Amino acid sequence: MRLDFNQGNIVYVIDTSGLIKLESTFKYDNPVFVAIWEEIEELIEQDRFKTIDFVEDEINSYQGRQDFLQKWVKKWKRLLVVPTDVASINAAIPIINDEYKTGFFDAKKQAEGKEEADPYLIAYCKTHNCVLITNESKDKPNKIPGVSAKNGVKCIDVFDFLIERELKMERKKK
C-alpha cells in the first residue's frame, strides 16, 4: 500500500486538447519543463492521471503534428489509458441527448460516423469523481467546461492543473 500525502487522492482525466496544449506549450524534451512531465508521469504511476480510450483514438487518428503524443500515449498506455466502462457509457447517454443539437459535437466527425470522446470523458469523470483537464474555451456553454459544469464535473485547464499541483518555475538566486 502506498501512502499519498500530496493533494489528497484527486484523479485527473485529460482530454485531447489538454494533451495537445501540454505538448505544444511545455515541450517534453525542453529541460525547462522536465518537472511538469515528471509530475504527470509520477501521477500516472500512482493511477491519478488518466485518459480514456476514446482520447487515445483521437490522438492516434489526429492528422497534425502530434507524433510525440502518439508515442508518449503508447509508452504509457498500460497505466494512462482506461477503457470506457459501462457505467460511463450509461452516464454519457443523457449528456449526448441533452447536447445533441447545441453544437457540442463536431459536425465533421458526426458526418464521418466517428465517436467523440467528450461526452464519455465527462461521464467518466462524473461516474468516477475525477477532475477533467481540457484546453477548450470556458466561455462557450457548448464546450467541455460548460457541459461539465451542467453535469457536476470539476473541469480545469492545463494552467489550473499546474497551479493545483503547485508547479512553478523559480529563478535561481545568485
Protein backbone atom coordinates (compact mmCIF):
# COMPACT_ATOMS: atom_id res chain seq x y z
CA MET A 1 0.00 0.00 0.00
CA ARG A 2 1.29 3.42 -0.96
CA LEU A 3 0.55 6.41 1.25
CA ASP A 4 -0.16 9.65 -0.52
CA PHE A 5 0.02 12.94 1.33
CA ASN A 6 0.00 15.20 -1.73
CA GLN A 7 -3.28 16.81 -2.86
CA GLY A 8 -5.50 14.13 -1.38
CA ASN A 9 -6.44 11.46 -3.86
CA ILE A 10 -7.50 13.64 -6.76
CA VAL A 11 -7.58 11.78 -10.06
CA TYR A 12 -7.15 13.85 -13.20
CA VAL A 13 -8.52 12.82 -16.58
CA ILE A 14 -7.19 14.73 -19.58
CA ASP A 15 -8.80 15.26 -22.97
CA THR A 16 -7.17 15.53 -26.38
CA SER A 17 -6.95 19.33 -26.36
CA GLY A 18 -5.30 19.24 -22.93
CA LEU A 19 -2.66 16.77 -24.13
CA ILE A 20 -2.02 18.87 -27.24
CA LYS A 21 -1.71 22.03 -25.10
CA LEU A 22 0.73 20.31 -22.73
CA GLU A 23 2.93 19.12 -25.56
CA SER A 24 2.82 22.31 -27.62
CA THR A 25 3.46 24.67 -24.69
CA PHE A 26 5.69 22.56 -22.44
CA LYS A 27 7.87 20.56 -24.82
CA TYR A 28 8.81 17.22 -23.31
CA ASP A 29 12.44 17.44 -24.41
CA ASN A 30 12.93 21.00 -23.13
CA PRO A 31 14.87 20.88 -19.84
CA VAL A 32 12.92 23.90 -18.56
CA PHE A 33 9.77 21.76 -18.37
CA VAL A 34 11.17 18.49 -17.01
CA ALA A 35 9.39 18.92 -13.65
CA ILE A 36 5.98 19.18 -15.33
CA TRP A 37 6.40 15.91 -17.21
CA GLU A 38 7.94 14.20 -14.18
CA GLU A 39 4.90 15.25 -12.12
CA ILE A 40 2.49 13.93 -14.76
CA GLU A 41 4.34 10.64 -15.14
CA GLU A 42 4.50 10.21 -11.36
CA LEU A 43 0.74 10.80 -11.17
CA ILE A 44 0.27 8.21 -13.94
CA GLU A 45 2.27 5.70 -11.90
CA GLN A 46 0.03 6.50 -8.90
CA ASP A 47 -3.09 5.88 -11.03
CA ARG A 48 -4.04 9.56 -10.61
CA PHE A 49 -3.61 10.91 -14.16
CA LYS A 50 -5.55 9.18 -16.91
CA THR A 51 -7.33 9.46 -20.16
CA ILE A 52 -9.96 7.27 -21.78
CA ASP A 53 -9.70 5.03 -24.82
CA PHE A 54 -11.69 7.49 -26.96
CA VAL A 55 -8.97 10.12 -26.41
CA GLU A 56 -6.29 7.61 -27.35
CA ASP A 57 -8.22 7.00 -30.60
CA GLU A 58 -8.39 10.76 -31.27
CA ILE A 59 -4.65 11.16 -30.66
CA ASN A 60 -3.86 8.20 -32.92
CA SER A 61 -6.08 9.50 -35.72
CA TYR A 62 -5.09 13.15 -35.36
CA GLN A 63 -3.72 14.46 -38.63
CA GLY A 64 -1.48 17.14 -37.23
CA ARG A 65 2.00 17.20 -35.84
CA GLN A 66 1.23 15.03 -32.83
CA ASP A 67 3.83 12.33 -33.43
CA PHE A 68 5.26 12.88 -29.93
CA LEU A 69 1.85 12.48 -28.28
CA GLN A 70 1.14 9.27 -30.17
CA LYS A 71 4.44 7.80 -28.98
CA TRP A 72 4.04 9.12 -25.43
CA VAL A 73 0.47 7.77 -25.06
CA LYS A 74 1.62 4.43 -26.47
CA LYS A 75 4.54 4.33 -24.00
CA TRP A 76 2.24 4.99 -21.01
CA LYS A 77 -0.86 3.23 -22.36
CA ARG A 78 -1.00 0.44 -19.78
CA LEU A 79 -1.24 2.94 -16.90
CA LEU A 80 -2.62 6.02 -18.67
CA VAL A 81 -5.46 4.81 -20.90
CA VAL A 82 -8.57 3.38 -19.26
CA PRO A 83 -11.38 1.69 -21.15
CA THR A 84 -14.69 3.49 -21.11
CA ASP A 85 -16.70 1.31 -18.75
CA VAL A 86 -20.42 0.50 -18.87
CA ALA A 87 -21.24 2.97 -16.08
CA SER A 88 -19.57 5.78 -18.04
CA ILE A 89 -21.29 4.80 -21.28
CA ASN A 90 -24.65 4.81 -19.48
CA ALA A 91 -23.85 8.19 -17.89
CA ALA A 92 -22.90 9.56 -21.33
CA ILE A 93 -26.32 8.83 -22.85
CA PRO A 94 -28.16 11.75 -21.17
CA ILE A 95 -25.23 14.06 -21.97
CA ILE A 96 -25.38 13.04 -25.63
CA ASN A 97 -29.16 13.51 -25.70
CA ASP A 98 -29.02 16.90 -23.95
CA GLU A 99 -26.18 18.27 -26.07
CA TYR A 100 -27.02 16.75 -29.46
CA LYS A 101 -28.26 19.99 -31.04
CA THR A 102 -26.20 22.53 -29.08
CA GLY A 103 -23.06 22.48 -31.21
CA PHE A 104 -21.23 20.35 -28.63
CA PHE A 105 -20.48 17.70 -31.22
CA ASP A 106 -18.12 18.16 -34.17
CA ALA A 107 -20.22 18.11 -37.35
CA LYS A 108 -17.33 16.71 -39.40
CA LYS A 109 -16.85 13.79 -37.01
CA GLN A 110 -20.59 13.15 -36.99
CA ALA A 111 -20.68 13.12 -40.80
CA GLU A 112 -17.82 10.60 -40.81
CA GLY A 113 -19.61 8.46 -38.19
CA LYS A 114 -16.79 8.89 -35.66
CA GLU A 115 -17.43 8.80 -31.93
CA GLU A 116 -16.32 11.81 -29.94
CA ALA A 117 -14.52 11.46 -26.65
CA ASP A 118 -16.11 14.49 -24.97
CA PRO A 119 -19.39 13.08 -23.59
CA TYR A 120 -17.62 9.91 -22.46
CA LEU A 121 -14.88 11.94 -20.73
CA ILE A 122 -17.44 13.97 -18.83
CA ALA A 123 -19.41 10.83 -17.97
CA TYR A 124 -16.26 9.01 -16.84
CA CYS A 125 -15.32 11.92 -14.57
CA LYS A 126 -18.86 12.13 -13.21
CA THR A 127 -19.05 8.40 -12.56
CA HIS A 128 -15.57 8.12 -11.02
CA ASN A 129 -15.41 11.55 -9.33
CA CYS A 130 -12.40 12.78 -11.33
CA VAL A 131 -11.23 16.24 -12.34
CA LEU A 132 -11.32 16.83 -16.09
CA ILE A 133 -8.46 18.73 -17.75
CA THR A 134 -9.19 20.38 -21.10
CA ASN A 135 -7.99 23.29 -23.15
CA GLU A 136 -11.45 24.08 -24.52
CA SER A 137 -13.00 27.52 -24.01
CA LYS A 138 -14.62 28.23 -20.66
CA ASP A 139 -16.69 31.00 -22.25
CA LYS A 140 -18.86 28.84 -24.52
CA PRO A 141 -21.65 26.78 -22.94
CA ASN A 142 -21.40 24.05 -25.58
CA LYS A 143 -17.75 23.20 -24.87
CA ILE A 144 -16.38 20.72 -22.32
CA PRO A 145 -16.13 23.18 -19.39
CA GLY A 146 -19.75 24.33 -19.80
CA VAL A 147 -21.17 20.83 -20.29
CA SER A 148 -19.05 19.56 -17.37
CA ALA A 149 -20.46 22.28 -15.10
CA LYS A 150 -24.02 21.30 -16.10
CA ASN A 151 -23.19 17.73 -15.11
CA GLY A 152 -21.46 18.48 -11.80
CA VAL A 153 -17.94 17.69 -13.01
CA LYS A 154 -14.98 19.85 -11.97
CA CYS A 155 -13.18 20.97 -15.11
CA ILE A 156 -9.86 22.82 -15.23
CA ASP A 157 -7.40 23.85 -17.91
CA VAL A 158 -3.74 22.89 -18.12
CA PHE A 159 -2.63 26.05 -16.32
CA ASP A 160 -5.11 25.43 -13.47
CA PHE A 161 -3.68 21.91 -13.24
CA LEU A 162 -0.15 23.31 -12.88
CA ILE A 163 -1.35 25.71 -10.17
CA GLU A 164 -3.22 22.93 -8.34
CA ARG A 165 -0.11 20.77 -8.41
CA GLU A 166 1.97 23.75 -7.24
CA LEU A 167 4.27 23.52 -10.24
CA LYS A 168 6.06 26.74 -10.98
CA MET A 169 9.32 27.98 -12.37
CA GLU A 170 11.60 29.62 -9.88
CA ARG A 171 14.62 31.66 -10.71
CA LYS A 172 17.94 30.62 -9.26
CA LYS A 173 19.22 33.25 -6.90
CA LYS A 174 22.84 34.19 -7.20
